[in-house]
Amino acid sequence: MSSPHPLFVGGTGRSGTHAVAKLLGRHSHYFYVSRELRFHTDRGGFPDLLSGVIDRDRFLANMREYFWRRPGADGRERGLHSKFNKRRFEAALERFEQQYAESPEQAAAGLLGALLDPMAEEDGKSSWIEQTPQTAASAGTLYSIFPDMKLVHMVRDGRDVASSLGGQWWGPSSMRGGLKWWEKRLREADEGSRGVPAEQVLVLELEDLVVEDREASYVRLLDFLELKDERKIRKNFDKHLSPANAHIGRWREGTSARRQRRVDRAYFGVLERLHAEGVESAPRPEKVLERDA
């Protein structure tokens, strides 16, 4: 088997991206990048650089400043400093700067590879998985850099996503606000993933993987990545990707029947709107009704 393709796992956030990336990282071919890198998906990073919003020098400054180390709103420091050796980081940036004039896309691929390839090799893996949720929304940019990439676009019931956001310092605290957040993010992820050939994208609903169609979804995931089943990944799947760990149906907990009906009306309104717009990755209303029954 040839080396696996660079793999990105994305979605709306709170949709199972980390759990699935961690699962695949148990396979002998893939190294699990345990931190979200963000510079390849966020403003001030690859998307702005390759679209001409910022120039090379501004990008390099962003890498050495904001993306390297920044304070979070919760008081904790975030950034690449927690993942990469400073010397290796600077060497990668210098190589990127030298290659940029010849081909910005190849320089970008070289930068990400210079940071991640050695980590995969040190772990005895052929390739790596990056799990920043926004990789789905930025998939067109990533495809211009890695034409052989693959994307697993994770989708989760928007009501459970909205419920989980309430416990995050960065997310909306209300169910209504959470559903609006999910709708916007799913629309962006769906649009972004259209920038990648369909055969290189797998849309996978978390509920199928952990409850409704476990074995078939697991096999579908491995087949998409051209991987053989292995003991470590199977053990992780059986033990950790369970309905309890995935908090399926968490939005109903402590919620009255009357409020559940209000949430349902809002959620199905969102689904109808998304499908009317052609957002194909949105859960099908009829499928949601079957799950709820």
Protein backbone atom coordinates (compact mmCIF):
# COMPACT_ATOMS: atom_id res chain seq x y z
CA MET A 1 0.00 0.00 0.00
CA SER A 2 1.28 3.48 -0.82
CA SER A 3 1.55 6.14 1.87
CA PRO A 4 -1.85 7.49 2.92
CA HIS A 5 -2.93 10.88 1.65
CA PRO A 6 -2.69 13.92 3.93
CA LEU A 7 -5.90 13.75 5.91
CA PHE A 8 -7.99 16.54 7.39
CA VAL A 9 -10.95 15.96 9.69
CA GLY A 10 -13.28 18.96 9.88
CA GLY A 11 -16.84 20.07 10.44
CA THR A 12 -18.74 22.60 12.48
CA GLY A 13 -16.87 22.06 15.71
CA ARG A 14 -18.35 19.96 18.54
CA SER A 15 -19.24 17.43 15.84
CA GLY A 16 -16.89 14.54 16.62
CA THR A 17 -13.86 15.81 14.70
CA HIS A 18 -11.41 15.19 17.53
CA ALA A 19 -12.85 11.78 18.42
CA VAL A 20 -12.63 10.53 14.82
CA ALA A 21 -9.15 11.99 14.27
CA LYS A 22 -7.97 10.33 17.47
CA LEU A 23 -9.55 7.06 16.36
CA LEU A 24 -7.73 7.13 13.02
CA GLY A 25 -4.52 8.03 14.79
CA ARG A 26 -4.57 4.55 16.32
CA HIS A 27 -3.92 3.13 12.85
CA SER A 28 -0.36 2.25 11.92
CA HIS A 29 -0.36 4.65 8.95
CA TYR A 30 -1.60 7.90 10.51
CA PHE A 31 -0.01 10.21 13.07
CA TYR A 32 -2.58 12.06 15.16
CA VAL A 33 -1.81 15.79 15.49
CA SER A 34 -3.27 16.40 18.92
CA ARG A 35 -3.44 20.20 18.67
CA GLU A 36 -5.41 22.33 16.24
CA LEU A 37 -2.86 24.17 14.09
CA ARG A 38 -5.23 26.86 12.73
CA PHE A 39 -2.73 28.79 10.61
CA HIS A 40 -3.78 26.74 7.57
CA THR A 41 -7.48 27.56 8.03
CA ASP A 42 -7.92 30.84 9.89
CA ARG A 43 -7.82 34.51 8.94
CA GLY A 44 -4.25 35.74 8.73
CA GLY A 45 -3.11 32.28 7.65
CA PHE A 46 -3.07 30.27 4.42
CA PRO A 47 -6.54 31.33 3.17
CA ASP A 48 -5.70 35.05 3.36
CA LEU A 49 -2.18 34.52 2.04
CA LEU A 50 -3.13 32.48 -1.02
CA SER A 51 -6.10 34.71 -1.87
CA GLY A 52 -3.94 37.85 -1.76
CA VAL A 53 -5.55 39.41 1.31
CA ILE A 54 -2.13 39.50 3.01
CA ASP A 55 1.40 39.22 1.64
CA ARG A 56 4.19 36.84 2.55
CA ASP A 57 5.77 39.13 5.12
CA ARG A 58 2.50 39.70 6.96
CA PHE A 59 1.90 35.95 7.00
CA LEU A 60 5.35 35.30 8.45
CA ALA A 61 4.76 37.95 11.11
CA ASN A 62 1.43 36.31 11.99
CA MET A 63 3.15 32.94 12.28
CA ARG A 64 5.81 34.27 14.63
CA GLU A 65 3.37 36.29 16.70
CA TYR A 66 -0.33 35.36 16.80
CA PHE A 67 -0.12 31.75 15.68
CA TRP A 68 2.97 31.01 17.73
CA ARG A 69 1.67 32.26 21.08
CA ARG A 70 -1.51 34.09 22.03
CA PRO A 71 -3.66 34.51 25.15
CA GLY A 72 -7.05 32.83 25.17
CA ALA A 73 -10.17 34.50 26.53
CA ASP A 74 -10.16 31.87 29.27
CA GLY A 75 -6.72 33.03 30.44
CA ARG A 76 -4.79 30.09 28.98
CA GLU A 77 -2.06 30.57 26.39
CA ARG A 78 -2.61 28.96 23.01
CA GLY A 79 -0.55 28.52 19.90
CA LEU A 80 2.04 26.49 18.06
CA HIS A 81 4.61 26.92 20.84
CA SER A 82 2.92 24.10 22.73
CA LYS A 83 3.48 21.66 19.88
CA PHE A 84 6.66 22.53 18.02
CA ASN A 85 10.32 23.01 18.79
CA LYS A 86 11.27 26.67 18.17
CA ARG A 87 14.33 25.77 16.11
CA ARG A 88 12.38 23.45 13.84
CA PHE A 89 9.64 26.05 13.54
CA GLU A 90 12.05 28.80 12.46
CA ALA A 91 13.83 26.50 10.00
CA ALA A 92 10.47 25.67 8.40
CA LEU A 93 9.58 29.36 8.09
CA GLU A 94 12.95 30.18 6.51
CA ARG A 95 12.49 27.40 3.94
CA PHE A 96 8.96 28.64 3.24
CA GLU A 97 10.27 32.18 2.67
CA GLN A 98 12.87 30.92 0.18
CA GLN A 99 10.34 28.82 -1.78
CA TYR A 100 7.44 31.28 -1.78
CA ALA A 101 8.37 33.30 -4.89
CA GLU A 102 8.55 30.18 -7.05
CA SER A 103 5.22 28.69 -5.90
CA PRO A 104 3.14 29.91 -2.94
CA GLU A 105 1.16 26.66 -2.87
CA GLN A 106 4.25 24.45 -2.86
CA ALA A 107 5.82 26.65 -0.20
CA ALA A 108 2.69 26.26 1.92
CA ALA A 109 2.72 22.48 1.45
CA GLY A 110 6.40 22.45 2.38
CA LEU A 111 5.76 24.45 5.54
CA LEU A 112 3.06 22.15 6.83
CA GLY A 113 5.09 19.12 5.81
CA ALA A 114 8.24 20.43 7.49
CA LEU A 115 6.32 20.72 10.75
CA LEU A 116 4.29 17.50 10.63
CA ASP A 117 6.23 14.98 8.54
CA PRO A 118 9.08 14.60 11.07
CA MET A 119 6.59 14.00 13.87
CA ALA A 120 4.88 11.28 11.84
CA GLU A 121 8.22 9.69 10.97
CA GLU A 122 9.36 9.76 14.60
CA ASP A 123 6.15 7.93 15.51
CA GLY A 124 6.69 5.36 12.76
CA LYS A 125 3.74 6.63 10.70
CA SER A 126 3.53 7.31 6.96
CA SER A 127 1.28 10.36 7.11
CA TRP A 128 -0.69 12.60 9.47
CA ILE A 129 -4.18 13.71 10.45
CA GLU A 130 -4.96 17.35 11.21
CA GLN A 131 -8.18 18.03 13.09
CA THR A 132 -8.90 21.77 13.12
CA PRO A 133 -12.69 21.84 12.50
CA GLN A 134 -12.37 24.72 10.02
CA THR A 135 -10.49 22.44 7.60
CA ALA A 136 -13.88 21.72 6.01
CA ALA A 137 -14.65 25.40 5.47
CA SER A 138 -11.11 25.98 4.15
CA ALA A 139 -10.99 22.79 2.10
CA GLY A 140 -10.67 24.64 -1.22
CA THR A 141 -7.51 26.35 0.00
CA LEU A 142 -6.12 23.10 1.35
CA TYR A 143 -6.83 21.30 -1.92
CA SER A 144 -4.83 23.92 -3.84
CA ILE A 145 -1.91 23.04 -1.54
CA PHE A 146 -2.47 19.28 -1.26
CA PRO A 147 -4.21 18.00 -4.42
CA ASP A 148 -4.00 14.44 -3.08
CA MET A 149 -5.58 15.33 0.30
CA LYS A 150 -8.64 13.67 1.74
CA LEU A 151 -11.26 15.26 3.95
CA VAL A 152 -13.57 13.61 6.47
CA HIS A 153 -16.40 16.09 7.02
CA MET A 154 -18.06 15.25 10.33
CA VAL A 155 -21.72 16.20 10.84
CA ARG A 156 -23.65 15.96 14.10
CA ASP A 157 -27.24 16.65 15.12
CA GLY A 158 -27.39 20.44 15.44
CA ARG A 159 -29.37 20.22 18.68
CA ASP A 160 -26.59 18.26 20.38
CA VAL A 161 -23.98 20.67 19.00
CA ALA A 162 -25.94 23.65 20.31
CA SER A 163 -26.32 21.97 23.70
CA SER A 164 -22.58 21.26 23.95
CA LEU A 165 -21.69 24.86 23.11
CA GLY A 166 -23.20 26.06 26.37
CA GLY A 167 -20.29 24.59 28.29
CA GLN A 168 -17.63 26.28 26.14
CA TRP A 169 -16.21 29.71 26.98
CA TRP A 170 -16.22 30.63 23.28
CA GLY A 171 -19.70 29.41 22.32
CA PRO A 172 -23.27 30.77 22.50
CA SER A 173 -24.94 29.99 25.80
CA SER A 174 -28.51 29.61 24.51
CA MET A 175 -29.99 26.83 22.40
CA ARG A 176 -31.30 29.35 19.87
CA GLY A 177 -27.88 30.98 19.59
CA GLY A 178 -26.24 27.58 19.31
CA LEU A 179 -28.49 26.52 16.44
CA LYS A 180 -27.69 29.75 14.58
CA TRP A 181 -23.97 29.11 15.15
CA TRP A 182 -24.30 25.52 13.88
CA GLU A 183 -26.29 26.61 10.81
CA LYS A 184 -23.67 29.18 9.83
CA ARG A 185 -20.76 26.82 10.39
CA LEU A 186 -22.39 23.95 8.52
CA ARG A 187 -23.16 26.19 5.56
CA GLU A 188 -19.49 27.29 5.48
CA ALA A 189 -18.22 23.71 5.82
CA ASP A 190 -20.48 22.48 3.04
CA GLU A 191 -19.41 25.29 0.71
CA GLY A 192 -15.73 24.74 1.49
CA SER A 193 -15.85 21.00 0.91
CA ARG A 194 -17.22 21.59 -2.58
CA GLY A 195 -13.77 22.90 -3.46
CA VAL A 196 -12.44 19.33 -3.27
CA PRO A 197 -13.31 16.55 -5.76
CA ALA A 198 -16.25 14.54 -4.43
CA GLU A 199 -14.26 11.30 -4.36
CA GLN A 200 -11.82 12.88 -1.89
CA VAL A 201 -14.50 13.92 0.62
CA LEU A 202 -16.41 11.69 3.02
CA VAL A 203 -19.40 13.20 4.82
CA LEU A 204 -19.95 11.14 7.96
CA GLU A 205 -22.72 11.66 10.49
CA LEU A 206 -21.59 11.02 14.05
CA GLU A 207 -24.89 9.34 14.92
CA ASP A 208 -24.36 6.77 12.15
CA LEU A 209 -20.84 6.00 13.34
CA VAL A 210 -21.72 5.51 17.00
CA VAL A 211 -25.35 4.31 17.00
CA GLU A 212 -27.41 3.88 13.86
CA ASP A 213 -25.04 2.13 11.47
CA ARG A 214 -21.85 1.51 13.46
CA GLU A 215 -20.18 -1.31 11.58
CA ALA A 216 -21.09 -0.14 8.08
CA SER A 217 -19.96 3.43 8.86
CA TYR A 218 -16.69 2.18 10.34
CA VAL A 219 -16.00 0.06 7.25
CA ARG A 220 -16.99 2.98 5.02
CA LEU A 221 -14.48 5.21 6.80
CA LEU A 222 -11.64 2.71 6.41
CA ASP A 223 -12.52 2.02 2.78
CA PHE A 224 -12.54 5.74 1.99
CA LEU A 225 -9.02 6.03 3.39
CA GLU A 226 -7.91 2.74 1.79
CA LEU A 227 -6.97 1.33 5.18
CA LYS A 228 -7.14 -2.20 6.50
CA ASP A 229 -8.71 -2.82 9.88
CA GLU A 230 -6.21 -3.23 12.71
CA ARG A 231 -6.47 -4.31 16.33
CA LYS A 232 -5.60 -0.92 17.87
CA ILE A 233 -8.06 1.11 15.83
CA ARG A 234 -10.80 -1.50 16.27
CA LYS A 235 -10.26 -1.56 20.03
CA ASN A 236 -10.47 2.24 20.19
CA PHE A 237 -13.66 2.21 18.12
CA ASP A 238 -15.35 -0.43 20.25
CA LYS A 239 -14.33 1.16 23.56
CA HIS A 240 -14.48 4.90 23.01
CA LEU A 241 -16.88 5.69 20.17
CA SER A 242 -20.00 4.78 22.12
CA PRO A 243 -23.39 6.54 22.42
CA ALA A 244 -22.55 7.50 26.00
CA ASN A 245 -19.18 9.02 25.13
CA ALA A 246 -20.64 10.82 22.12
CA HIS A 247 -23.48 12.25 24.25
CA ILE A 248 -26.11 11.39 21.67
CA GLY A 249 -29.35 13.13 22.55
CA ARG A 250 -27.74 15.29 25.26
CA TRP A 251 -29.90 18.25 24.29
CA ARG A 252 -32.93 16.56 25.87
CA GLU A 253 -31.33 16.22 29.31
CA GLY A 254 -33.13 18.33 31.89
CA THR A 255 -35.38 19.79 29.20
CA SER A 256 -39.16 19.80 29.53
CA ALA A 257 -41.36 18.28 26.84
CA ARG A 258 -42.70 21.73 26.00
CA ARG A 259 -39.22 23.16 25.50
CA GLN A 260 -38.18 20.12 23.46
CA ARG A 261 -41.05 20.84 21.06
CA ARG A 262 -39.88 24.45 20.68
CA VAL A 263 -36.33 23.30 19.99
CA ASP A 264 -37.61 20.78 17.44
CA ARG A 265 -39.56 23.44 15.57
CA ALA A 266 -36.51 25.69 15.42
CA TYR A 267 -34.19 22.85 14.38
CA PHE A 268 -36.39 21.48 11.62
CA GLY A 269 -36.83 25.01 10.33
CA VAL A 270 -33.04 25.26 10.07
CA LEU A 271 -32.81 21.90 8.28
CA GLU A 272 -35.49 22.86 5.76
CA ARG A 273 -33.72 26.14 5.07
CA LEU A 274 -30.35 24.47 4.59
CA HIS A 275 -31.70 21.86 2.20
CA ALA A 276 -33.59 24.51 0.24
CA GLU A 277 -30.22 26.24 -0.23
CA GLY A 278 -28.63 23.00 -1.44
CA VAL A 279 -26.52 22.30 1.66
CA GLU A 280 -26.31 18.57 1.04
CA SER A 281 -24.31 17.71 4.16
CA ALA A 282 -27.14 18.84 6.46
CA PRO A 283 -28.96 15.92 8.13
CA ARG A 284 -32.08 14.88 6.26
CA PRO A 285 -35.25 15.86 8.21
CA GLU A 286 -36.83 12.46 7.61
CA LYS A 287 -33.73 10.72 8.93
CA VAL A 288 -33.75 12.90 12.05
CA LEU A 289 -37.40 12.02 12.63
CA GLU A 290 -36.59 8.30 12.38
CA ARG A 291 -33.81 8.69 14.95
CA ASP A 292 -36.08 10.62 17.29
CA ALA A 293 -38.88 8.07 17.10
